[in-house]
PDB file of N, CA and C in Angstrom:
ATOM      1  N   MET A   1     -43.148 -52.565  63.875  1.00  0.00           N
ATOM      2  CA  MET A   1     -44.315 -53.153  63.724  1.00  0.00           C
ATOM      3  C   MET A   1     -44.076 -52.935  62.112  1.00  0.00           C
ATOM      4  N   LYS A   2     -43.204 -53.817  61.852  1.00  0.00           N
ATOM      5  CA  LYS A   2     -43.107 -53.943  60.409  1.00  0.00           C
ATOM      6  C   LYS A   2     -42.492 -55.011  60.011  1.00  0.00           C
ATOM      7  N   ALA A   3     -42.551 -56.044  58.853  1.00  0.00           N
ATOM      8  CA  ALA A   3     -42.627 -57.144  57.795  1.00  0.00           C
ATOM      9  C   ALA A   3     -42.197 -56.881  56.427  1.00  0.00           C
ATOM     10  N   SER A   4     -41.299 -57.558  56.284  1.00  0.00           N
ATOM     11  CA  SER A   4     -40.892 -57.589  55.066  1.00  0.00           C
ATOM     12  C   SER A   4     -40.875 -58.759  54.001  1.00  0.00           C
ATOM     13  N   LEU A   5     -41.089 -58.885  52.571  1.00  0.00           N
ATOM     14  CA  LEU A   5     -41.021 -59.951  51.818  1.00  0.00           C
ATOM     15  C   LEU A   5     -40.277 -59.620  50.831  1.00  0.00           C
ATOM     16  N   SER A   6     -38.648 -60.072  50.399  1.00  0.00           N
ATOM     17  CA  SER A   6     -37.783 -59.928  49.422  1.00  0.00           C
ATOM     18  C   SER A   6     -37.911 -60.803  48.693  1.00  0.00           C
ATOM     19  N   ASN A   7     -37.705 -60.759  47.291  1.00  0.00           N
ATOM     20  CA  ASN A   7     -37.339 -61.308  46.175  1.00  0.00           C
ATOM     21  C   ASN A   7     -38.498 -62.146  46.002  1.00  0.00           C
ATOM     22  N   TYR A   8     -39.604 -61.382  46.198  1.00  0.00           N
ATOM     23  CA  TYR A   8     -40.791 -62.034  45.574  1.00  0.00           C
ATOM     24  C   TYR A   8     -41.060 -61.886  43.961  1.00  0.00           C
ATOM     25  N   ARG A   9     -41.367 -63.545  43.320  1.00  0.00           N
ATOM     26  CA  ARG A   9     -41.656 -63.455  42.412  1.00  0.00           C
ATOM     27  C   ARG A   9     -42.388 -63.059  41.391  1.00  0.00           C
ATOM     28  N   GLN A  10     -42.450 -61.817  41.375  1.00  0.00           N
ATOM     29  CA  GLN A  10     -44.155 -61.134  40.252  1.00  0.00           C
ATOM     30  C   GLN A  10     -43.260 -60.019  40.082  1.00  0.00           C
ATOM     31  N   SER A  11     -43.855 -59.371  39.018  1.00  0.00           N
ATOM     32  CA  SER A  11     -43.658 -57.972  38.838  1.00  0.00           C
ATOM     33  C   SER A  11     -44.170 -56.793  39.716  1.00  0.00           C
ATOM     34  N   PRO A  12     -43.566 -55.875  39.809  1.00  0.00           N
ATOM     35  CA  PRO A  12     -44.105 -54.802  41.082  1.00  0.00           C
ATOM     36  C   PRO A  12     -45.261 -54.054  40.888  1.00  0.00           C
ATOM     37  N   ARG A  13     -45.399 -54.020  39.316  1.00  0.00           N
ATOM     38  CA  ARG A  13     -46.382 -53.796  38.702  1.00  0.00           C
ATOM     39  C   ARG A  13     -47.777 -54.265  39.218  1.00  0.00           C
ATOM     40  N   LYS A  14     -47.660 -55.396  38.826  1.00  0.00           N
ATOM     41  CA  LYS A  14     -48.572 -56.500  39.474  1.00  0.00           C
ATOM     42  C   LYS A  14     -49.090 -56.262  40.927  1.00  0.00           C
ATOM     43  N   VAL A  15     -47.927 -56.552  41.724  1.00  0.00           N
ATOM     44  CA  VAL A  15     -48.078 -56.392  43.127  1.00  0.00           C
ATOM     45  C   VAL A  15     -48.359 -54.973  43.482  1.00  0.00           C
ATOM     46  N   ARG A  16     -48.239 -54.429  43.251  1.00  0.00           N
ATOM     47  CA  ARG A  16     -49.291 -52.714  43.400  1.00  0.00           C
ATOM     48  C   ARG A  16     -50.822 -52.426  42.921  1.00  0.00           C
ATOM     49  N   LEU A  17     -51.222 -53.279  42.149  1.00  0.00           N
ATOM     50  CA  LEU A  17     -52.480 -53.678  42.552  1.00  0.00           C
ATOM     51  C   LEU A  17     -53.204 -54.032  43.578  1.00  0.00           C
ATOM     52  N   ILE A  18     -52.603 -55.117  44.037  1.00  0.00           N
ATOM     53  CA  ILE A  18     -52.760 -55.871  45.301  1.00  0.00           C
ATOM     54  C   ILE A  18     -52.310 -54.578  46.532  1.00  0.00           C
ATOM     55  N   THR A  19     -51.360 -54.178  46.997  1.00  0.00           N
ATOM     56  CA  THR A  19     -51.496 -53.407  48.039  1.00  0.00           C
ATOM     57  C   THR A  19     -52.019 -51.982  47.881  1.00  0.00           C
ATOM     58  N   GLU A  20     -52.498 -51.496  46.877  1.00  0.00           N
ATOM     59  CA  GLU A  20     -52.780 -50.595  46.597  1.00  0.00           C
ATOM     60  C   GLU A  20     -54.254 -50.199  47.147  1.00  0.00           C
ATOM     61  N   ALA A  21     -54.980 -51.779  47.239  1.00  0.00           N
ATOM     62  CA  ALA A  21     -56.539 -51.769  47.451  1.00  0.00           C
ATOM     63  C   ALA A  21     -56.672 -51.807  49.382  1.00  0.00           C
ATOM     64  N   VAL A  22     -55.411 -52.413  49.854  1.00  0.00           N
ATOM     65  CA  VAL A  22     -55.406 -52.475  51.489  1.00  0.00           C
ATOM     66  C   VAL A  22     -54.946 -51.748  52.156  1.00  0.00           C
ATOM     67  N   LYS A  23     -54.559 -50.661  51.488  1.00  0.00           N
ATOM     68  CA  LYS A  23     -53.505 -49.850  52.273  1.00  0.00           C
ATOM     69  C   LYS A  23     -54.136 -48.806  52.812  1.00  0.00           C
ATOM     70  N   GLY A  24     -54.076 -48.248  54.726  1.00  0.00           N
ATOM     71  CA  GLY A  24     -54.839 -47.520  55.088  1.00  0.00           C
ATOM     72  C   GLY A  24     -56.068 -48.166  55.641  1.00  0.00           C
ATOM     73  N   LYS A  25     -56.374 -49.030  55.649  1.00  0.00           N
ATOM     74  CA  LYS A  25     -57.436 -49.791  55.974  1.00  0.00           C
ATOM     75  C   LYS A  25     -56.860 -50.787  57.373  1.00  0.00           C
ATOM     76  N   HIS A  26     -57.744 -51.761  58.366  1.00  0.00           N
ATOM     77  CA  HIS A  26     -57.326 -52.227  59.226  1.00  0.00           C
ATOM     78  C   HIS A  26     -57.150 -53.311  58.923  1.00  0.00           C
ATOM     79  N   VAL A  27     -56.315 -54.115  59.873  1.00  0.00           N
ATOM     80  CA  VAL A  27     -55.812 -55.344  59.141  1.00  0.00           C
ATOM     81  C   VAL A  27     -56.825 -56.163  59.043  1.00  0.00           C
ATOM     82  N   SER A  28     -57.731 -56.610  60.308  1.00  0.00           N
ATOM     83  CA  SER A  28     -59.410 -57.053  59.664  1.00  0.00           C
ATOM     84  C   SER A  28     -59.652 -57.105  58.352  1.00  0.00           C
ATOM     85  N   GLU A  29     -59.821 -55.688  58.710  1.00  0.00           N
ATOM     86  CA  GLU A  29     -60.536 -55.442  56.638  1.00  0.00           C
ATOM     87  C   GLU A  29     -59.731 -56.109  55.935  1.00  0.00           C
ATOM     88  N   ALA A  30     -58.242 -55.421  55.861  1.00  0.00           N
ATOM     89  CA  ALA A  30     -57.803 -55.913  54.824  1.00  0.00           C
ATOM     90  C   ALA A  30     -57.256 -57.474  54.604  1.00  0.00           C
ATOM     91  N   ASN A  31     -57.682 -57.811  55.529  1.00  0.00           N
ATOM     92  CA  ASN A  31     -57.335 -59.880  56.042  1.00  0.00           C
ATOM     93  C   ASN A  31     -58.500 -60.492  54.975  1.00  0.00           C
ATOM     94  N   VAL A  32     -59.961 -59.672  55.073  1.00  0.00           N
ATOM     95  CA  VAL A  32     -61.002 -60.122  54.499  1.00  0.00           C
ATOM     96  C   VAL A  32     -60.571 -60.054  52.452  1.00  0.00           C
ATOM     97  N   VAL A  33     -60.470 -58.425  52.729  1.00  0.00           N
ATOM     98  CA  VAL A  33     -60.011 -58.125  51.004  1.00  0.00           C
ATOM     99  C   VAL A  33     -59.206 -58.661  50.619  1.00  0.00           C
ATOM    100  N   LEU A  34     -58.383 -59.226  51.274  1.00  0.00           N
ATOM    101  CA  LEU A  34     -56.850 -60.021  50.564  1.00  0.00           C
ATOM    102  C   LEU A  34     -57.806 -61.791  50.404  1.00  0.00           C
ATOM    103  N   ALA A  35     -58.227 -61.935  51.071  1.00  0.00           N
ATOM    104  CA  ALA A  35     -58.781 -63.249  51.219  1.00  0.00           C
ATOM    105  C   ALA A  35     -59.646 -63.523  49.579  1.00  0.00           C
ATOM    106  N   TYR A  36     -60.960 -62.989  49.228  1.00  0.00           N
ATOM    107  CA  TYR A  36     -62.019 -62.967  48.091  1.00  0.00           C
ATOM    108  C   TYR A  36     -60.950 -62.149  47.083  1.00  0.00           C
ATOM    109  N   MET A  37     -60.163 -61.895  47.088  1.00  0.00           N
ATOM    110  CA  MET A  37     -59.253 -60.679  46.013  1.00  0.00           C
ATOM    111  C   MET A  37     -58.771 -62.152  44.707  1.00  0.00           C
ATOM    112  N   PRO A  38     -59.263 -62.045  43.440  1.00  0.00           N
ATOM    113  CA  PRO A  38     -58.999 -63.532  42.731  1.00  0.00           C
ATOM    114  C   PRO A  38     -57.145 -62.974  42.070  1.00  0.00           C
ATOM    115  N   LYS A  39     -56.700 -62.854  42.810  1.00  0.00           N
ATOM    116  CA  LYS A  39     -55.109 -62.610  42.021  1.00  0.00           C
ATOM    117  C   LYS A  39     -53.991 -63.605  42.598  1.00  0.00           C
ATOM    118  N   ARG A  40     -53.233 -63.709  42.118  1.00  0.00           N
ATOM    119  CA  ARG A  40     -51.570 -64.831  42.727  1.00  0.00           C
ATOM    120  C   ARG A  40     -51.362 -64.314  43.895  1.00  0.00           C
ATOM    121  N   GLY A  41     -51.111 -62.521  43.986  1.00  0.00           N
ATOM    122  CA  GLY A  41     -50.076 -62.540  44.938  1.00  0.00           C
ATOM    123  C   GLY A  41     -50.912 -61.656  46.127  1.00  0.00           C
ATOM    124  N   ALA A  42     -52.220 -62.229  46.023  1.00  0.00           N
ATOM    125  CA  ALA A  42     -53.140 -61.673  47.257  1.00  0.00           C
ATOM    126  C   ALA A  42     -52.733 -62.702  48.459  1.00  0.00           C
ATOM    127  N   GLU A  43     -52.475 -64.126  48.474  1.00  0.00           N
ATOM    128  CA  GLU A  43     -52.230 -64.451  49.639  1.00  0.00           C
ATOM    129  C   GLU A  43     -50.696 -64.491  50.013  1.00  0.00           C
ATOM    130  N   PRO A  44     -49.350 -64.229  49.257  1.00  0.00           N
ATOM    131  CA  PRO A  44     -48.433 -63.938  50.205  1.00  0.00           C
ATOM    132  C   PRO A  44     -48.415 -62.898  50.644  1.00  0.00           C
ATOM    133  N   ILE A  45     -49.238 -61.360  50.519  1.00  0.00           N
ATOM    134  CA  ILE A  45     -49.369 -60.456  50.956  1.00  0.00           C
ATOM    135  C   ILE A  45     -50.119 -60.465  52.023  1.00  0.00           C
ATOM    136  N   GLN A  46     -51.461 -61.490  51.880  1.00  0.00           N
ATOM    137  CA  GLN A  46     -51.827 -61.404  53.455  1.00  0.00           C
ATOM    138  C   GLN A  46     -51.511 -62.110  54.169  1.00  0.00           C
ATOM    139  N   LYS A  47     -50.450 -63.022  53.818  1.00  0.00           N
ATOM    140  CA  LYS A  47     -49.536 -63.487  54.937  1.00  0.00           C
ATOM    141  C   LYS A  47     -48.626 -62.882  55.588  1.00  0.00           C
ATOM    142  N   LEU A  48     -48.026 -61.875  54.966  1.00  0.00           N
ATOM    143  CA  LEU A  48     -46.685 -60.583  55.586  1.00  0.00           C
ATOM    144  C   LEU A  48     -47.640 -59.694  56.139  1.00  0.00           C
ATOM    145  N   ILE A  49     -49.077 -59.365  55.891  1.00  0.00           N
ATOM    146  CA  ILE A  49     -49.437 -58.717  56.438  1.00  0.00           C
ATOM    147  C   ILE A  49     -49.962 -59.271  58.391  1.00  0.00           C
ATOM    148  N   MET A  50     -50.408 -60.606  57.792  1.00  0.00           N
ATOM    149  CA  MET A  50     -50.855 -61.106  59.266  1.00  0.00           C
ATOM    150  C   MET A  50     -49.081 -60.836  59.997  1.00  0.00           C
ATOM    151  N   SER A  51     -48.021 -61.370  59.388  1.00  0.00           N
ATOM    152  CA  SER A  51     -46.660 -61.340  59.882  1.00  0.00           C
ATOM    153  C   SER A  51     -46.719 -60.374  61.027  1.00  0.00           C
ATOM    154  N   ALA A  52     -46.887 -59.031  60.014  1.00  0.00           N
ATOM    155  CA  ALA A  52     -46.499 -57.627  61.231  1.00  0.00           C
ATOM    156  C   ALA A  52     -47.730 -57.330  61.844  1.00  0.00           C
ATOM    157  N   ALA A  53     -48.585 -57.941  61.898  1.00  0.00           N
ATOM    158  CA  ALA A  53     -49.656 -57.712  62.554  1.00  0.00           C
ATOM    159  C   ALA A  53     -49.058 -58.710  64.203  1.00  0.00           C
ATOM    160  N   ALA A  54     -48.619 -59.895  63.903  1.00  0.00           N
ATOM    161  CA  ALA A  54     -48.113 -61.110  65.076  1.00  0.00           C
ATOM    162  C   ALA A  54     -46.636 -60.152  65.591  1.00  0.00           C
ATOM    163  N   ASN A  55     -46.397 -59.697  64.883  1.00  0.00           N
ATOM    164  CA  ASN A  55     -44.936 -58.809  65.093  1.00  0.00           C
ATOM    165  C   ASN A  55     -45.405 -57.492  66.095  1.00  0.00           C
ATOM    166  N   ALA A  56     -46.445 -56.974  65.885  1.00  0.00           N
ATOM    167  CA  ALA A  56     -46.958 -55.820  66.920  1.00  0.00           C
ATOM    168  C   ALA A  56     -47.513 -56.448  67.728  1.00  0.00           C
ATOM    169  N   VAL A  57     -48.162 -56.925  67.708  1.00  0.00           N
ATOM    170  CA  VAL A  57     -48.940 -57.906  68.986  1.00  0.00           C
ATOM    171  C   VAL A  57     -47.663 -58.476  70.056  1.00  0.00           C
ATOM    172  N   ASN A  58     -46.595 -58.897  69.482  1.00  0.00           N
ATOM    173  CA  ASN A  58     -44.959 -59.256  70.415  1.00  0.00           C
ATOM    174  C   ASN A  58     -44.683 -58.459  71.353  1.00  0.00           C
ATOM    175  N   LEU A  59     -44.970 -56.906  70.243  1.00  0.00           N
ATOM    176  CA  LEU A  59     -44.263 -55.913  70.932  1.00  0.00           C
ATOM    177  C   LEU A  59     -45.513 -55.389  72.118  1.00  0.00           C
ATOM    178  N   GLY A  60     -46.322 -55.407  72.121  1.00  0.00           N
ATOM    179  CA  GLY A  60     -47.503 -55.157  73.085  1.00  0.00           C
ATOM    180  C   GLY A  60     -48.800 -54.439  72.381  1.00  0.00           C
ATOM    181  N   ALA A  61     -48.503 -54.133  71.201  1.00  0.00           N
ATOM    182  CA  ALA A  61     -50.062 -53.628  70.699  1.00  0.00           C
ATOM    183  C   ALA A  61     -50.998 -54.344  70.886  1.00  0.00           C
ATOM    184  N   THR A  62     -52.120 -54.147  70.406  1.00  0.00           N
ATOM    185  CA  THR A  62     -53.516 -55.240  70.825  1.00  0.00           C
ATOM    186  C   THR A  62     -53.737 -55.454  68.934  1.00  0.00           C
ATOM    187  N   ALA A  63     -54.432 -56.154  69.024  1.00  0.00           N
ATOM    188  CA  ALA A  63     -54.465 -56.635  67.230  1.00  0.00           C
ATOM    189  C   ALA A  63     -55.719 -55.918  66.589  1.00  0.00           C
ATOM    190  N   GLU A  64     -57.054 -55.830  67.581  1.00  0.00           N
ATOM    191  CA  GLU A  64     -58.188 -54.600  66.950  1.00  0.00           C
ATOM    192  C   GLU A  64     -57.845 -53.315  66.541  1.00  0.00           C
ATOM    193  N   ASN A  65     -57.189 -52.480  67.074  1.00  0.00           N
ATOM    194  CA  ASN A  65     -56.896 -51.777  66.794  1.00  0.00           C
ATOM    195  C   ASN A  65     -55.180 -51.373  65.276  1.00  0.00           C
ATOM    196  N   LEU A  66     -54.761 -52.187  64.892  1.00  0.00           N
ATOM    197  CA  LEU A  66     -54.015 -52.078  64.129  1.00  0.00           C
ATOM    198  C   LEU A  66     -55.017 -51.408  62.385  1.00  0.00           C
ATOM    199  N   PHE A  67     -53.395 -50.717  61.992  1.00  0.00           N
ATOM    200  CA  PHE A  67     -53.911 -50.460  60.367  1.00  0.00           C
ATOM    201  C   PHE A  67     -52.945 -50.697  59.747  1.00  0.00           C
ATOM    202  N   ILE A  68     -52.868 -50.305  58.570  1.00  0.00           N
ATOM    203  CA  ILE A  68     -52.013 -50.464  57.827  1.00  0.00           C
ATOM    204  C   ILE A  68     -51.882 -49.013  57.366  1.00  0.00           C
ATOM    205  N   LYS A  69     -50.410 -48.449  58.214  1.00  0.00           N
ATOM    206  CA  LYS A  69     -50.072 -47.136  57.458  1.00  0.00           C
ATOM    207  C   LYS A  69     -49.162 -47.039  56.453  1.00  0.00           C
ATOM    208  N   ASN A  70     -48.181 -47.705  56.162  1.00  0.00           N
ATOM    209  CA  ASN A  70     -47.925 -47.900  54.863  1.00  0.00           C
ATOM    210  C   ASN A  70     -47.189 -48.920  54.075  1.00  0.00           C
ATOM    211  N   ILE A  71     -47.465 -49.146  52.555  1.00  0.00           N
ATOM    212  CA  ILE A  71     -47.082 -50.522  52.406  1.00  0.00           C
ATOM    213  C   ILE A  71     -46.696 -50.293  50.884  1.00  0.00           C
ATOM    214  N   GLU A  72     -45.745 -50.209  50.797  1.00  0.00           N
ATOM    215  CA  GLU A  72     -44.644 -50.244  49.864  1.00  0.00           C
ATOM    216  C   GLU A  72     -44.123 -51.820  48.499  1.00  0.00           C
ATOM    217  N   VAL A  73     -44.268 -50.850  47.470  1.00  0.00           N
ATOM    218  CA  VAL A  73     -43.622 -52.279  46.732  1.00  0.00           C
ATOM    219  C   VAL A  73     -42.451 -51.959  46.029  1.00  0.00           C
ATOM    220  N   ASN A  74     -41.286 -52.182  46.216  1.00  0.00           N
ATOM    221  CA  ASN A  74     -40.057 -51.831  45.295  1.00  0.00           C
ATOM    222  C   ASN A  74     -39.516 -52.628  44.087  1.00  0.00           C
ATOM    223  N   LYS A  75     -38.439 -52.381  43.662  1.00  0.00           N
ATOM    224  CA  LYS A  75     -38.439 -53.406  42.441  1.00  0.00           C
ATOM    225  C   LYS A  75     -37.627 -54.070  42.890  1.00  0.00           C
ATOM    226  N   GLY A  76     -37.464 -55.641  42.451  1.00  0.00           N
ATOM    227  CA  GLY A  76     -36.053 -56.584  43.229  1.00  0.00           C
ATOM    228  C   GLY A  76     -35.031 -56.737  42.292  1.00  0.00           C
ATOM    229  N   PHE A  77     -34.273 -57.573  42.517  1.00  0.00           N
ATOM    230  CA  PHE A  77     -33.668 -57.847  41.331  1.00  0.00           C
ATOM    231  C   PHE A  77     -34.161 -58.668  40.035  1.00  0.00           C
ATOM    232  N   VAL A  78     -33.950 -58.606  38.824  1.00  0.00           N
ATOM    233  CA  VAL A  78     -34.771 -58.844  37.351  1.00  0.00           C
ATOM    234  C   VAL A  78     -33.592 -60.139  36.657  1.00  0.00           C
ATOM    235  N   ILE A  79     -34.070 -61.512  36.558  1.00  0.00           N
ATOM    236  CA  ILE A  79     -33.777 -62.650  35.775  1.00  0.00           C
ATOM    237  C   ILE A  79     -33.681 -62.514  34.564  1.00  0.00           C
ATOM    238  N   LYS A  80     -32.539 -62.165  33.710  1.00  0.00           N
ATOM    239  CA  LYS A  80     -32.503 -62.292  32.782  1.00  0.00           C
ATOM    240  C   LYS A  80     -32.284 -63.595  31.786  1.00  0.00           C
ATOM    241  N   ARG A  81     -33.294 -63.432  31.044  1.00  0.00           N
ATOM    242  CA  ARG A  81     -33.318 -64.855  30.154  1.00  0.00           C
ATOM    243  C   ARG A  81     -33.586 -64.491  28.335  1.00  0.00           C
ATOM    244  N   SER A  82     -32.993 -65.582  27.534  1.00  0.00           N
ATOM    245  CA  SER A  82     -33.556 -65.441  26.183  1.00  0.00           C
ATOM    246  C   SER A  82     -34.040 -66.217  25.725  1.00  0.00           C
ATOM    247  N   MET A  83     -35.002 -65.860  24.456  1.00  0.00           N
ATOM    248  CA  MET A  83     -35.867 -66.575  23.700  1.00  0.00           C
ATOM    249  C   MET A  83     -35.491 -66.953  22.560  1.00  0.00           C
ATOM    250  N   PRO A  84     -35.001 -68.087  21.839  1.00  0.00           N
ATOM    251  CA  PRO A  84     -34.417 -67.909  20.316  1.00  0.00           C
ATOM    252  C   PRO A  84     -35.633 -67.174  19.380  1.00  0.00           C
ATOM    253  N   ARG A  85     -35.319 -66.255  18.804  1.00  0.00           N
ATOM    254  CA  ARG A  85     -36.325 -66.276  17.387  1.00  0.00           C
ATOM    255  C   ARG A  85     -35.808 -65.993  16.233  1.00  0.00           C
ATOM    256  N   ALA A  86     -36.909 -65.916  14.974  1.00  0.00           N
ATOM    257  CA  ALA A  86     -36.571 -66.186  13.310  1.00  0.00           C
ATOM    258  C   ALA A  86     -34.945 -65.149  13.137  1.00  0.00           C
ATOM    259  N   MET A  87     -34.502 -66.123  12.013  1.00  0.00           N
ATOM    260  CA  MET A  87     -32.944 -65.607  11.772  1.00  0.00           C
ATOM    261  C   MET A  87     -31.919 -65.438  12.709  1.00  0.00           C
ATOM    262  N   GLY A  88     -32.174 -66.660  13.394  1.00  0.00           N
ATOM    263  CA  GLY A  88     -31.031 -66.896  14.370  1.00  0.00           C
ATOM    264  C   GLY A  88     -30.755 -65.899  15.564  1.00  0.00           C
ATOM    265  N   VAL A  89     -32.006 -65.064  15.740  1.00  0.00           N
ATOM    266  CA  VAL A  89     -31.728 -63.637  16.801  1.00  0.00           C
ATOM    267  C   VAL A  89     -32.201 -64.807  18.271  1.00  0.00           C
ATOM    268  N   ALA A  90     -31.707 -63.803  19.418  1.00  0.00           N
ATOM    269  CA  ALA A  90     -31.878 -63.847  20.781  1.00  0.00           C
ATOM    270  C   ALA A  90     -32.763 -63.011  21.284  1.00  0.00           C
ATOM    271  N   LYS A  91     -34.134 -63.271  21.867  1.00  0.00           N
ATOM    272  CA  LYS A  91     -34.455 -61.736  22.141  1.00  0.00           C
ATOM    273  C   LYS A  91     -34.761 -61.898  23.546  1.00  0.00           C
ATOM    274  N   PRO A  92     -34.501 -61.066  24.485  1.00  0.00           N
ATOM    275  CA  PRO A  92     -34.441 -60.617  25.988  1.00  0.00           C
ATOM    276  C   PRO A  92     -35.416 -61.045  26.831  1.00  0.00           C
ATOM    277  N   ILE A  93     -35.825 -61.767  27.985  1.00  0.00           N
ATOM    278  CA  ILE A  93     -37.242 -62.240  29.024  1.00  0.00           C
ATOM    279  C   ILE A  93     -36.458 -61.415  30.079  1.00  0.00           C
ATOM    280  N   ASN A  94     -36.905 -60.851  30.546  1.00  0.00           N
ATOM    281  CA  ASN A  94     -36.697 -60.314  31.850  1.00  0.00           C
ATOM    282  C   ASN A  94     -37.939 -60.993  32.938  1.00  0.00           C
ATOM    283  N   LYS A  95     -37.056 -61.568  34.013  1.00  0.00           N
ATOM    284  CA  LYS A  95     -38.292 -62.225  35.038  1.00  0.00           C
ATOM    285  C   LYS A  95     -37.993 -61.129  36.325  1.00  0.00           C
ATOM    286  N   ARG A  96     -39.255 -60.262  36.570  1.00  0.00           N
ATOM    287  CA  ARG A  96     -38.688 -59.054  37.999  1.00  0.00           C
ATOM    288  C   ARG A  96     -39.312 -60.307  38.681  1.00  0.00           C
ATOM    289  N   THR A  97     -38.532 -59.647  39.774  1.00  0.00           N
ATOM    290  CA  THR A  97     -39.200 -59.458  40.957  1.00  0.00           C
ATOM    291  C   THR A  97     -39.477 -58.342  42.323  1.00  0.00           C
ATOM    292  N   SER A  98     -40.045 -58.126  43.151  1.00  0.00           N
ATOM    293  CA  SER A  98     -40.617 -57.484  44.238  1.00  0.00           C
ATOM    294  C   SER A  98     -39.952 -57.531  45.484  1.00  0.00           C
ATOM    295  N   HIS A  99     -39.488 -56.353  46.304  1.00  0.00           N
ATOM    296  CA  HIS A  99     -39.590 -56.597  47.557  1.00  0.00           C
ATOM    297  C   HIS A  99     -40.879 -55.240  48.153  1.00  0.00           C
ATOM    298  N   VAL A 100     -41.610 -55.883  49.284  1.00  0.00           N
ATOM    299  CA  VAL A 100     -42.603 -55.560  49.523  1.00  0.00           C
ATOM    300  C   VAL A 100     -42.477 -55.727  51.052  1.00  0.00           C
ATOM    301  N   ALA A 101     -42.709 -54.215  51.368  1.00  0.00           N
ATOM    302  CA  ALA A 101     -42.680 -53.946  53.014  1.00  0.00           C
ATOM    303  C   ALA A 101     -43.858 -53.605  53.432  1.00  0.00           C
ATOM    304  N   VAL A 102     -44.175 -53.597  55.044  1.00  0.00           N
ATOM    305  CA  VAL A 102     -45.451 -52.969  55.348  1.00  0.00           C
ATOM    306  C   VAL A 102     -45.156 -52.695  56.873  1.00  0.00           C
ATOM    307  N   THR A 103     -45.590 -51.311  56.887  1.00  0.00           N
ATOM    308  CA  THR A 103     -45.548 -50.910  57.920  1.00  0.00           C
ATOM    309  C   THR A 103     -46.864 -50.881  59.015  1.00  0.00           C
ATOM    310  N   LEU A 104     -47.104 -51.312  60.011  1.00  0.00           N
ATOM    311  CA  LEU A 104     -48.569 -51.041  60.584  1.00  0.00           C
ATOM    312  C   LEU A 104     -48.346 -50.161  61.942  1.00  0.00           C
ATOM    313  N   SER A 105     -49.510 -49.465  62.288  1.00  0.00           N
ATOM    314  CA  SER A 105     -49.832 -48.720  63.217  1.00  0.00           C
ATOM    315  C   SER A 105     -50.806 -48.990  64.023  1.00  0.00           C
ATOM    316  N   GLU A 106     -51.303 -48.417  65.480  1.00  0.00           N
ATOM    317  CA  GLU A 106     -51.859 -48.195  66.387  1.00  0.00           C
ATOM    318  C   GLU A 106     -52.906 -47.292  66.423  1.00  0.00           C
ATOM    319  N   VAL A 107     -53.923 -47.481  66.025  1.00  0.00           N
ATOM    320  CA  VAL A 107     -55.214 -46.311  66.289  1.00  0.00           C
ATOM    321  C   VAL A 107     -55.152 -46.357  67.604  1.00  0.00           C
ATOM    322  N   VAL A 108     -55.156 -44.963  68.040  1.00  0.00           N
ATOM    323  CA  VAL A 108     -55.542 -45.085  69.906  1.00  0.00           C
ATOM    324  C   VAL A 108     -56.779 -44.441  69.935  1.00  0.00           C
ATOM    325  N   PRO A 109     -57.647 -45.224  70.914  1.00  0.00           N
ATOM    326  CA  PRO A 109     -59.201 -44.824  70.952  1.00  0.00           C
ATOM    327  C   PRO A 109     -59.191 -42.996  71.782  1.00  0.00           C
ATOM    328  N   LYS A 110     -59.714 -42.364  70.661  1.00  0.00           N
ATOM    329  CA  LYS A 110     -60.326 -40.831  71.409  1.00  0.00           C
ATOM    330  C   LYS A 110     -61.019 -41.113  73.137  1.00  0.00           C
ATOM    331  N   ALA A 111     -60.306 -40.404  74.042  1.00  0.00           N
ATOM    332  CA  ALA A 111     -61.611 -40.477  75.043  1.00  0.00           C
ATOM    333  C   ALA A 111     -62.506 -39.447  75.212  1.00  0.00           C
ATOM    334  N   LYS A 112     -63.412 -39.746  75.718  1.00  0.00           N
ATOM    335  CA  LYS A 112     -64.513 -39.428  75.240  1.00  0.00           C
ATOM    336  C   LYS A 112     -64.674 -37.327  76.426  1.00  0.00           C
ATOM    337  N   LYS A 113     -64.671 -36.374  76.239  1.00  0.00           N
ATOM    338  CA  LYS A 113     -64.659 -35.083  76.886  1.00  0.00           C
ATOM    339  C   LYS A 113     -65.919 -35.573  77.779  1.00  0.00           C
ATOM    340  N   VAL A 114     -65.926 -35.192  79.019  1.00  0.00           N
ATOM    341  CA  VAL A 114     -66.968 -35.282  79.935  1.00  0.00           C
ATOM    342  C   VAL A 114     -67.000 -33.190  80.481  1.00  0.00           C
ATOM    343  N   LYS A 115     -68.359 -33.011  80.013  1.00  0.00           N
ATOM    344  CA  LYS A 115     -68.741 -31.586  80.353  1.00  0.00           C
ATOM    345  C   LYS A 115     -69.186 -31.352  82.076  1.00  0.00           C
ATOM    346  N   SER A 116     -68.129 -30.532  82.486  1.00  0.00           N
ATOM    347  CA  SER A 116     -68.373 -30.521  83.971  1.00  0.00           C
ATOM    348  C   SER A 116     -69.648 -29.748  84.279  1.00  0.00           C
ATOM    349  N   GLN A 117     -70.549 -29.464  85.245  1.00  0.00           N
ATOM    350  CA  GLN A 117     -71.629 -28.760  85.305  1.00  0.00           C
ATOM    351  C   GLN A 117     -71.400 -27.533  86.102  1.00  0.00           C
ATOM    352  N   SER A 118     -70.500 -27.168  86.826  1.00  0.00           N
ATOM    353  CA  SER A 118     -69.808 -26.584  87.993  1.00  0.00           C
ATOM    354  C   SER A 118     -69.432 -25.148  87.118  1.00  0.00           C
ATOM    355  N   ASN A 119     -69.085 -25.101  85.850  1.00  0.00           N
ATOM    356  CA  ASN A 119     -69.064 -23.931  84.758  1.00  0.00           C
ATOM    357  C   ASN A 119     -70.287 -23.067  84.762  1.00  0.00           C
ATOM    358  N   THR A 120     -71.376 -23.619  84.461  1.00  0.00           N
ATOM    359  CA  THR A 120     -72.331 -22.929  84.541  1.00  0.00           C
ATOM    360  C   THR A 120     -72.896 -21.802  85.883  1.00  0.00           C
ATOM    361  N   LYS A 121     -73.361 -20.392  85.241  1.00  0.00           N
ATOM    362  CA  LYS A 121     -73.966 -19.754  86.390  1.00  0.00           C
ATOM    363  C   LYS A 121     -75.201 -20.101  87.045  1.00  0.00           C
ATOM    364  N   ALA A 122     -75.454 -19.868  87.794  1.00  0.00           N
ATOM    365  CA  ALA A 122     -76.822 -19.719  88.478  1.00  0.00           C
ATOM    366  C   ALA A 122     -77.599 -18.639  88.441  1.00  0.00           C
ATOM    367  N   LYS A 123     -78.853 -18.780  87.770  1.00  0.00           N
ATOM    368  CA  LYS A 123     -79.738 -17.351  87.368  1.00  0.00           C
ATOM    369  C   LYS A 123     -80.410 -16.588  88.386  1.00  0.00           C
TER     370      LYS A 123
END
């Protein structure tokens, strides 16, 4: 019940702001949060979570019981460019990428305990 997004062209620092908002939530709740989040990376993260949910359903889990167990953002490769500056100097520009991995888990509903009446003593 995993899905991953490799080499996403946004810095990991910006993507972590989005992923921290949905970590530990149910998939349906995370979907609503990401739909109204005004960040550029919210849509790809939403697609990634829905892809992980579809993978879980294909493996036999129920969609209503899924929650985000872990979502981590790691550093991808860095595209290095340079910008000409004053007096013939070139300054570096680092264009960073991210690797995002999502792990979903299924909440097992607890069974209600039934008190047995046979254990009580009669007076």
